[in-house]
Amino acid sequence: MKTNSQDQDTAARAALALEVIARLKREYPDTHCTLNYEDAWQLLVSVRLAAQCTDLRVDQVTPKLYAKFPTVQALAEAPVEEIEEIVRPCGLGPSKARDISKCMKMLHEQYDDRVPESFEELLKLPGVGRKSANLVMGDVFGKPAIVTDTHCIRLSNLIGFVDDVKEPGKVEKLLWKIIPPEEGNQLCHRLVDHGRKVCIARRPQCSRCCLKDICRYGKTQ
């Protein structure tokens, strides 16, 4: 059962979140996913390749992959070794190639080459975790989503949305309590923007941060 103190704490974090959302909207009005894709299945491929790899590198590799295998069916029928050869620059080539192959096979055989719009069904796809599923739900289908990538987790802790919580699933659960559902997806993109341009890992630029006066970490600098 919640105590008054817990309710007050949640309310305070929710108010903080609304102010952060408003400020980041002004700072990054045209935010979007930094991975290039045209179809939902391509976003699934890109997110899998992005694990422990930069989005820039992924965007350099995927055009080569789609030039050779331009459809879900083509990737589903492609030899895993050929997929691996192309995606190797993204690191973890064998496991990523296997997941992409299995995922495309499942889309081809069970979903008529279409990406399901159900969060639960997305999670059943090989290589698709909550981060990937939320990204597809928010960016492709326009549904409420919170993508807890490294930037989201790091900034959520620094700003004060959460307290020393690093596990993606736990951060996501806590953020759902304080962020309006319709704002989650875009806020996560803006946290990525801010994390890359200002609140840089290990060297945050607090002096030029639009959140300095309300950020828990910024107030100490």
Foldseek 3Di string as FASTA:
>chain_A
DDDPVNVVLLVVLLVLQVVLLVLLCVVCVPFDDLADDDALLLLLLLVLLCVVAPSVVSNVQVVVVCVQQVALVSLLPDDLVVQLVRSPVSPPSNQSSVLSNQQSVCCVPPVVRHDDQDLVVQCPRRSGDLLSSQLCNCRVVNWFGARQDPLNQVQCCQQPLDPPDRDSVVSRVSVVSRYDRNSRNVVNRSSVVCCVPACDPPDHNLVPDPCLVRTNNSVVD
